[in-house]
């Protein structure tokens, strides 16, 4: 009994399975800040800024370029903080990542920093994801950080805060995306190659089964 002619369907089944094996990342939270320019960011962001009327813009939506806005975080009295405290849940997710663009404001200098941090609910301690040196005029940088310890958190919170030594110093943030892989999606994706291979094997055996019946 020769089955070597069946290797092509099996190989095709494995190839199709491999192509679909990777689980797709699902956005849990995202914000591109492309809404009206405002001293209030909205979309669940909590703002910490100074008490003076001029400090209302310490955490705000500003223009990045034509038809593309972003979030500004600045000043040192107190240092500006933008926190996402909307009660995000990472339960049932694996492979968590946080991506964003950032840039320093023009007048920052050595020693000025942008911190990115997360915690598990209001009672949790803030843990650092990243820190970025703010050294004056600079182009936007794109970041992608893995958060292996943040899976399975019922109240996931994160924030951007600056540590600067003068007013009107800070950073801008854009295209924030928190994402992860749903546990169920990951399991089904892993199972697919085996299922497709069995289907290919079944196709291969059909001619052999037919020949056996003809001989009876």
C-alpha atoms as a PDB file:
ATOM      1  CA  UNK A   1       0.000   0.000   0.000  1.00  0.00           C
ATOM      2  CA  UNK A   2       1.577   3.294  -1.139  1.00  0.00           C
ATOM      3  CA  UNK A   3       0.426   6.523   0.413  1.00  0.00           C
ATOM      4  CA  UNK A   4       3.227   8.812  -0.748  1.00  0.00           C
ATOM      5  CA  UNK A   5       0.838  10.580  -3.141  1.00  0.00           C
ATOM      6  CA  UNK A   6      -1.064  11.856  -0.110  1.00  0.00           C
ATOM      7  CA  UNK A   7       1.751  13.957   1.297  1.00  0.00           C
ATOM      8  CA  UNK A   8       0.648  17.054  -0.627  1.00  0.00           C
ATOM      9  CA  UNK A   9      -2.838  17.308   0.988  1.00  0.00           C
ATOM     10  CA  UNK A  10      -1.331  16.710   4.436  1.00  0.00           C
ATOM     11  CA  UNK A  11       1.376  19.299   3.840  1.00  0.00           C
ATOM     12  CA  UNK A  12      -1.254  21.758   2.662  1.00  0.00           C
ATOM     13  CA  UNK A  13      -3.313  21.114   5.776  1.00  0.00           C
ATOM     14  CA  UNK A  14      -0.320  21.753   8.016  1.00  0.00           C
ATOM     15  CA  UNK A  15       0.552  24.912   6.078  1.00  0.00           C
ATOM     16  CA  UNK A  16      -2.972  26.258   6.461  1.00  0.00           C
ATOM     17  CA  UNK A  17      -2.910  25.381  10.143  1.00  0.00           C
ATOM     18  CA  UNK A  18       0.413  27.084  10.683  1.00  0.00           C
ATOM     19  CA  UNK A  19      -0.853  30.221   8.999  1.00  0.00           C
ATOM     20  CA  UNK A  20      -3.786  30.432  11.416  1.00  0.00           C
ATOM     21  CA  UNK A  21      -2.044  29.085  14.523  1.00  0.00           C
ATOM     22  CA  UNK A  22      -1.032  32.441  15.995  1.00  0.00           C
ATOM     23  CA  UNK A  23      -3.704  33.896  18.244  1.00  0.00           C
ATOM     24  CA  UNK A  24      -4.743  37.407  17.266  1.00  0.00           C
ATOM     25  CA  UNK A  25      -4.214  40.232  19.755  1.00  0.00           C
ATOM     26  CA  UNK A  26      -7.467  41.877  20.846  1.00  0.00           C
ATOM     27  CA  UNK A  27      -7.556  45.554  21.889  1.00  0.00           C
ATOM     28  CA  UNK A  28      -8.686  45.978  25.504  1.00  0.00           C
ATOM     29  CA  UNK A  29      -8.355  49.762  25.455  1.00  0.00           C
ATOM     30  CA  UNK A  30      -7.249  52.228  22.796  1.00  0.00           C
ATOM     31  CA  UNK A  31      -7.115  55.993  22.358  1.00  0.00           C
ATOM     32  CA  UNK A  32      -5.813  57.988  19.404  1.00  0.00           C
ATOM     33  CA  UNK A  33      -6.999  61.306  20.974  1.00  0.00           C
ATOM     34  CA  UNK A  34      -8.417  62.404  17.626  1.00  0.00           C
ATOM     35  CA  UNK A  35     -11.207  64.495  19.073  1.00  0.00           C
ATOM     36  CA  UNK A  36     -11.639  68.212  19.678  1.00  0.00           C
ATOM     37  CA  UNK A  37      -8.759  70.156  21.231  1.00  0.00           C
ATOM     38  CA  UNK A  38      -9.596  70.505  24.909  1.00  0.00           C
ATOM     39  CA  UNK A  39      -8.196  71.014  28.401  1.00  0.00           C
ATOM     40  CA  UNK A  40     -10.122  67.861  29.354  1.00  0.00           C
ATOM     41  CA  UNK A  41      -8.949  64.593  27.798  1.00  0.00           C
ATOM     42  CA  UNK A  42     -12.037  62.454  28.477  1.00  0.00           C
ATOM     43  CA  UNK A  43     -12.357  58.727  27.620  1.00  0.00           C
ATOM     44  CA  UNK A  44     -11.730  57.665  31.222  1.00  0.00           C
ATOM     45  CA  UNK A  45      -8.487  59.617  31.755  1.00  0.00           C
ATOM     46  CA  UNK A  46      -8.036  61.180  35.198  1.00  0.00           C
ATOM     47  CA  UNK A  47      -5.954  64.374  35.209  1.00  0.00           C
ATOM     48  CA  UNK A  48      -3.606  65.682  37.897  1.00  0.00           C
ATOM     49  CA  UNK A  49      -2.485  69.241  37.224  1.00  0.00           C
ATOM     50  CA  UNK A  50      -1.935  72.588  38.921  1.00  0.00           C
ATOM     51  CA  UNK A  51      -4.623  74.750  40.526  1.00  0.00           C
ATOM     52  CA  UNK A  52      -4.030  77.939  38.501  1.00  0.00           C
ATOM     53  CA  UNK A  53      -6.339  78.578  35.534  1.00  0.00           C
ATOM     54  CA  UNK A  54      -3.390  78.263  33.155  1.00  0.00           C
ATOM     55  CA  UNK A  55      -2.691  74.784  34.564  1.00  0.00           C
ATOM     56  CA  UNK A  56      -5.905  73.429  33.027  1.00  0.00           C
ATOM     57  CA  UNK A  57      -3.848  72.619  29.927  1.00  0.00           C
ATOM     58  CA  UNK A  58      -1.242  70.583  31.854  1.00  0.00           C
ATOM     59  CA  UNK A  59      -3.127  67.427  30.836  1.00  0.00           C
ATOM     60  CA  UNK A  60      -4.988  68.163  27.618  1.00  0.00           C
ATOM     61  CA  UNK A  61      -5.553  67.311  23.974  1.00  0.00           C
ATOM     62  CA  UNK A  62      -3.279  69.265  21.648  1.00  0.00           C
ATOM     63  CA  UNK A  63      -2.592  69.200  17.926  1.00  0.00           C
ATOM     64  CA  UNK A  64       0.093  66.834  16.673  1.00  0.00           C
ATOM     65  CA  UNK A  65      -0.387  67.576  12.993  1.00  0.00           C
ATOM     66  CA  UNK A  66      -3.266  68.287  10.642  1.00  0.00           C
ATOM     67  CA  UNK A  67      -6.263  66.137  11.645  1.00  0.00           C
ATOM     68  CA  UNK A  68      -4.122  64.251  14.192  1.00  0.00           C
ATOM     69  CA  UNK A  69      -4.276  65.202  17.862  1.00  0.00           C
ATOM     70  CA  UNK A  70      -2.515  63.790  20.927  1.00  0.00           C
ATOM     71  CA  UNK A  71      -2.420  64.050  24.738  1.00  0.00           C
ATOM     72  CA  UNK A  72      -0.097  66.509  26.469  1.00  0.00           C
ATOM     73  CA  UNK A  73       1.261  65.928  30.013  1.00  0.00           C
ATOM     74  CA  UNK A  74       3.413  68.723  31.467  1.00  0.00           C
ATOM     75  CA  UNK A  75       4.471  71.027  34.348  1.00  0.00           C
ATOM     76  CA  UNK A  76       5.971  70.545  37.788  1.00  0.00           C
ATOM     77  CA  UNK A  77       3.546  72.223  40.211  1.00  0.00           C
ATOM     78  CA  UNK A  78       2.556  69.444  40.632  1.00  0.00           C
ATOM     79  CA  UNK A  79       4.052  67.229  37.963  1.00  0.00           C
ATOM     80  CA  UNK A  80       1.340  66.400  35.439  1.00  0.00           C
ATOM     81  CA  UNK A  81      -0.189  62.909  35.485  1.00  0.00           C
ATOM     82  CA  UNK A  82      -2.706  61.305  33.115  1.00  0.00           C
ATOM     83  CA  UNK A  83      -4.127  58.091  34.592  1.00  0.00           C
ATOM     84  CA  UNK A  84      -6.429  55.580  32.911  1.00  0.00           C
ATOM     85  CA  UNK A  85      -8.633  54.464  35.804  1.00  0.00           C
ATOM     86  CA  UNK A  86     -11.673  53.300  33.847  1.00  0.00           C
ATOM     87  CA  UNK A  87     -11.753  49.835  35.439  1.00  0.00           C
ATOM     88  CA  UNK A  88     -10.074  47.899  32.639  1.00  0.00           C
ATOM     89  CA  UNK A  89     -10.004  44.120  33.070  1.00  0.00           C
ATOM     90  CA  UNK A  90      -7.292  41.765  31.822  1.00  0.00           C
ATOM     91  CA  UNK A  91      -9.085  38.653  33.094  1.00  0.00           C
ATOM     92  CA  UNK A  92      -8.970  35.899  30.477  1.00  0.00           C
ATOM     93  CA  UNK A  93      -6.115  37.493  28.535  1.00  0.00           C
ATOM     94  CA  UNK A  94      -2.510  36.442  27.971  1.00  0.00           C
ATOM     95  CA  UNK A  95       0.349  38.086  26.078  1.00  0.00           C
ATOM     96  CA  UNK A  96      -0.567  41.590  27.261  1.00  0.00           C
ATOM     97  CA  UNK A  97       1.166  44.527  25.570  1.00  0.00           C
ATOM     98  CA  UNK A  98       1.004  48.316  25.795  1.00  0.00           C
ATOM     99  CA  UNK A  99       1.951  50.375  22.745  1.00  0.00           C
ATOM    100  CA  UNK A 100       2.065  54.158  22.281  1.00  0.00           C
ATOM    101  CA  UNK A 101       3.875  57.034  20.587  1.00  0.00           C
ATOM    102  CA  UNK A 102       5.586  59.731  22.633  1.00  0.00           C
ATOM    103  CA  UNK A 103       7.682  62.870  22.152  1.00  0.00           C
ATOM    104  CA  UNK A 104       9.292  65.467  24.451  1.00  0.00           C
ATOM    105  CA  UNK A 105       8.094  69.046  24.429  1.00  0.00           C
ATOM    106  CA  UNK A 106      10.523  71.532  22.951  1.00  0.00           C
ATOM    107  CA  UNK A 107      11.902  73.020  26.159  1.00  0.00           C
ATOM    108  CA  UNK A 108      12.665  69.887  28.157  1.00  0.00           C
ATOM    109  CA  UNK A 109      16.233  69.162  29.236  1.00  0.00           C
ATOM    110  CA  UNK A 110      18.522  66.610  30.846  1.00  0.00           C
ATOM    111  CA  UNK A 111      16.922  65.145  33.946  1.00  0.00           C
ATOM    112  CA  UNK A 112      13.332  65.545  32.717  1.00  0.00           C
ATOM    113  CA  UNK A 113      11.553  62.200  32.454  1.00  0.00           C
ATOM    114  CA  UNK A 114       8.324  60.572  31.288  1.00  0.00           C
ATOM    115  CA  UNK A 115       7.246  57.536  33.313  1.00  0.00           C
ATOM    116  CA  UNK A 116       4.757  54.846  32.244  1.00  0.00           C
ATOM    117  CA  UNK A 117       3.361  52.776  35.126  1.00  0.00           C
ATOM    118  CA  UNK A 118       0.588  50.307  35.997  1.00  0.00           C
ATOM    119  CA  UNK A 119      -1.095  48.893  39.095  1.00  0.00           C
ATOM    120  CA  UNK A 120      -3.742  46.368  40.087  1.00  0.00           C
ATOM    121  CA  UNK A 121      -6.578  48.538  41.376  1.00  0.00           C
ATOM    122  CA  UNK A 122      -6.475  51.531  43.723  1.00  0.00           C
ATOM    123  CA  UNK A 123      -4.867  49.515  46.514  1.00  0.00           C
ATOM    124  CA  UNK A 124      -1.995  48.328  44.319  1.00  0.00           C
ATOM    125  CA  UNK A 125       1.441  49.907  44.093  1.00  0.00           C
ATOM    126  CA  UNK A 126       2.460  51.600  40.851  1.00  0.00           C
ATOM    127  CA  UNK A 127       4.980  49.517  38.930  1.00  0.00           C
ATOM    128  CA  UNK A 128       7.155  50.927  36.173  1.00  0.00           C
ATOM    129  CA  UNK A 129       6.641  49.850  32.584  1.00  0.00           C
ATOM    130  CA  UNK A 130       9.100  52.323  31.039  1.00  0.00           C
ATOM    131  CA  UNK A 131      10.860  55.641  31.524  1.00  0.00           C
ATOM    132  CA  UNK A 132      11.872  58.022  28.745  1.00  0.00           C
ATOM    133  CA  UNK A 133      14.411  60.833  28.926  1.00  0.00           C
ATOM    134  CA  UNK A 134      12.992  64.151  27.737  1.00  0.00           C
ATOM    135  CA  UNK A 135      15.853  66.041  26.105  1.00  0.00           C
ATOM    136  CA  UNK A 136      14.307  68.918  24.222  1.00  0.00           C
ATOM    137  CA  UNK A 137      13.003  68.901  20.673  1.00  0.00           C
ATOM    138  CA  UNK A 138      12.543  65.383  19.348  1.00  0.00           C
ATOM    139  CA  UNK A 139      10.493  63.344  16.937  1.00  0.00           C
ATOM    140  CA  UNK A 140       7.855  60.870  18.095  1.00  0.00           C
ATOM    141  CA  UNK A 141       9.033  57.407  19.083  1.00  0.00           C
ATOM    142  CA  UNK A 142       6.864  54.277  18.942  1.00  0.00           C
ATOM    143  CA  UNK A 143       6.970  51.874  21.889  1.00  0.00           C
ATOM    144  CA  UNK A 144       5.697  48.337  22.459  1.00  0.00           C
ATOM    145  CA  UNK A 145       6.035  46.850  25.950  1.00  0.00           C
ATOM    146  CA  UNK A 146       5.148  43.358  27.159  1.00  0.00           C
ATOM    147  CA  UNK A 147       3.243  43.145  30.471  1.00  0.00           C
ATOM    148  CA  UNK A 148       3.583  39.515  31.600  1.00  0.00           C
ATOM    149  CA  UNK A 149       2.647  40.277  35.219  1.00  0.00           C
ATOM    150  CA  UNK A 150      -0.526  42.181  34.329  1.00  0.00           C
ATOM    151  CA  UNK A 151      -2.603  39.229  33.099  1.00  0.00           C
ATOM    152  CA  UNK A 152      -5.665  38.244  35.120  1.00  0.00           C
ATOM    153  CA  UNK A 153      -6.144  41.647  36.781  1.00  0.00           C
ATOM    154  CA  UNK A 154      -9.766  42.603  37.431  1.00  0.00           C
ATOM    155  CA  UNK A 155      -9.010  46.345  37.705  1.00  0.00           C
ATOM    156  CA  UNK A 156      -6.002  47.171  35.543  1.00  0.00           C
ATOM    157  CA  UNK A 157      -4.894  50.815  35.738  1.00  0.00           C
ATOM    158  CA  UNK A 158      -2.032  52.605  34.004  1.00  0.00           C
ATOM    159  CA  UNK A 159      -0.718  56.135  33.758  1.00  0.00           C
ATOM    160  CA  UNK A 160       1.701  58.559  32.146  1.00  0.00           C
ATOM    161  CA  UNK A 161       3.454  61.029  34.440  1.00  0.00           C
ATOM    162  CA  UNK A 162       6.257  63.516  33.957  1.00  0.00           C
ATOM    163  CA  UNK A 163       9.018  64.421  36.389  1.00  0.00           C
ATOM    164  CA  UNK A 164      10.272  67.856  35.337  1.00  0.00           C
ATOM    165  CA  UNK A 165      11.784  70.849  37.130  1.00  0.00           C
ATOM    166  CA  UNK A 166       9.918  73.735  35.502  1.00  0.00           C
ATOM    167  CA  UNK A 167       6.528  74.667  34.124  1.00  0.00           C
ATOM    168  CA  UNK A 168       5.750  74.092  30.457  1.00  0.00           C
ATOM    169  CA  UNK A 169       8.032  71.062  30.317  1.00  0.00           C
ATOM    170  CA  UNK A 170       6.658  67.628  29.562  1.00  0.00           C
ATOM    171  CA  UNK A 171       5.703  65.135  26.866  1.00  0.00           C
ATOM    172  CA  UNK A 172       2.992  64.244  24.389  1.00  0.00           C
ATOM    173  CA  UNK A 173       1.463  60.778  23.990  1.00  0.00           C
ATOM    174  CA  UNK A 174      -0.510  59.305  21.095  1.00  0.00           C
ATOM    175  CA  UNK A 175      -1.982  56.040  19.744  1.00  0.00           C
ATOM    176  CA  UNK A 176      -2.253  54.233  23.077  1.00  0.00           C
ATOM    177  CA  UNK A 177      -3.279  50.564  22.734  1.00  0.00           C
ATOM    178  CA  UNK A 178      -3.534  47.977  25.510  1.00  0.00           C
ATOM    179  CA  UNK A 179      -4.085  44.535  23.965  1.00  0.00           C
ATOM    180  CA  UNK A 180      -3.886  40.841  24.728  1.00  0.00           C
ATOM    181  CA  UNK A 181      -4.796  37.388  23.478  1.00  0.00           C
ATOM    182  CA  UNK A 182      -8.026  35.869  24.718  1.00  0.00           C
ATOM    183  CA  UNK A 183      -7.334  32.504  26.324  1.00  0.00           C
ATOM    184  CA  UNK A 184     -10.100  30.790  24.316  1.00  0.00           C
ATOM    185  CA  UNK A 185      -8.846  32.188  21.012  1.00  0.00           C
ATOM    186  CA  UNK A 186      -5.336  30.999  21.788  1.00  0.00           C
ATOM    187  CA  UNK A 187      -6.529  27.461  22.575  1.00  0.00           C
ATOM    188  CA  UNK A 188      -8.590  27.166  19.406  1.00  0.00           C
ATOM    189  CA  UNK A 189      -5.721  28.508  17.296  1.00  0.00           C
ATOM    190  CA  UNK A 190      -3.375  25.842  18.665  1.00  0.00           C
ATOM    191  CA  UNK A 191      -5.896  23.088  17.924  1.00  0.00           C
ATOM    192  CA  UNK A 192      -6.430  24.023  14.289  1.00  0.00           C
ATOM    193  CA  UNK A 193      -3.283  22.488  12.705  1.00  0.00           C
ATOM    194  CA  UNK A 194      -4.074  19.055  14.097  1.00  0.00           C
ATOM    195  CA  UNK A 195      -7.674  19.229  12.899  1.00  0.00           C
ATOM    196  CA  UNK A 196      -6.620  20.251   9.415  1.00  0.00           C
ATOM    197  CA  UNK A 197      -4.013  17.519   9.277  1.00  0.00           C
ATOM    198  CA  UNK A 198      -6.622  14.896  10.159  1.00  0.00           C
ATOM    199  CA  UNK A 199      -8.877  16.256   7.431  1.00  0.00           C
ATOM    200  CA  UNK A 200      -6.025  15.968   4.928  1.00  0.00           C
ATOM    201  CA  UNK A 201      -5.289  12.428   6.024  1.00  0.00           C
ATOM    202  CA  UNK A 202      -8.959  11.552   5.534  1.00  0.00           C
ATOM    203  CA  UNK A 203      -8.834  12.847   1.965  1.00  0.00           C
ATOM    204  CA  UNK A 204      -5.762  10.732   1.308  1.00  0.00           C
ATOM    205  CA  UNK A 205      -7.415   7.558   2.559  1.00  0.00           C
ATOM    206  CA  UNK A 206     -10.574   7.897   0.468  1.00  0.00           C
ATOM    207  CA  UNK A 207      -9.066   6.359  -2.737  1.00  0.00           C
ATOM    208  CA  UNK A 208      -7.528   3.498  -0.757  1.00  0.00           C
ATOM    209  CA  UNK A 209     -10.882   2.766   0.947  1.00  0.00           C
ATOM    210  CA  UNK A 210     -12.611   2.791  -2.448  1.00  0.00           C
ATOM    211  CA  UNK A 211     -10.106   0.308  -3.884  1.00  0.00           C
ATOM    212  CA  UNK A 212     -10.560  -1.995  -0.897  1.00  0.00           C
ATOM    213  CA  UNK A 213     -14.325  -2.012  -1.424  1.00  0.00           C
ATOM    214  CA  UNK A 214     -13.939  -2.824  -5.123  1.00  0.00           C
ATOM    215  CA  UNK A 215     -11.821  -5.836  -4.281  1.00  0.00           C
ATOM    216  CA  UNK A 216     -14.426  -7.348  -1.959  1.00  0.00           C
END
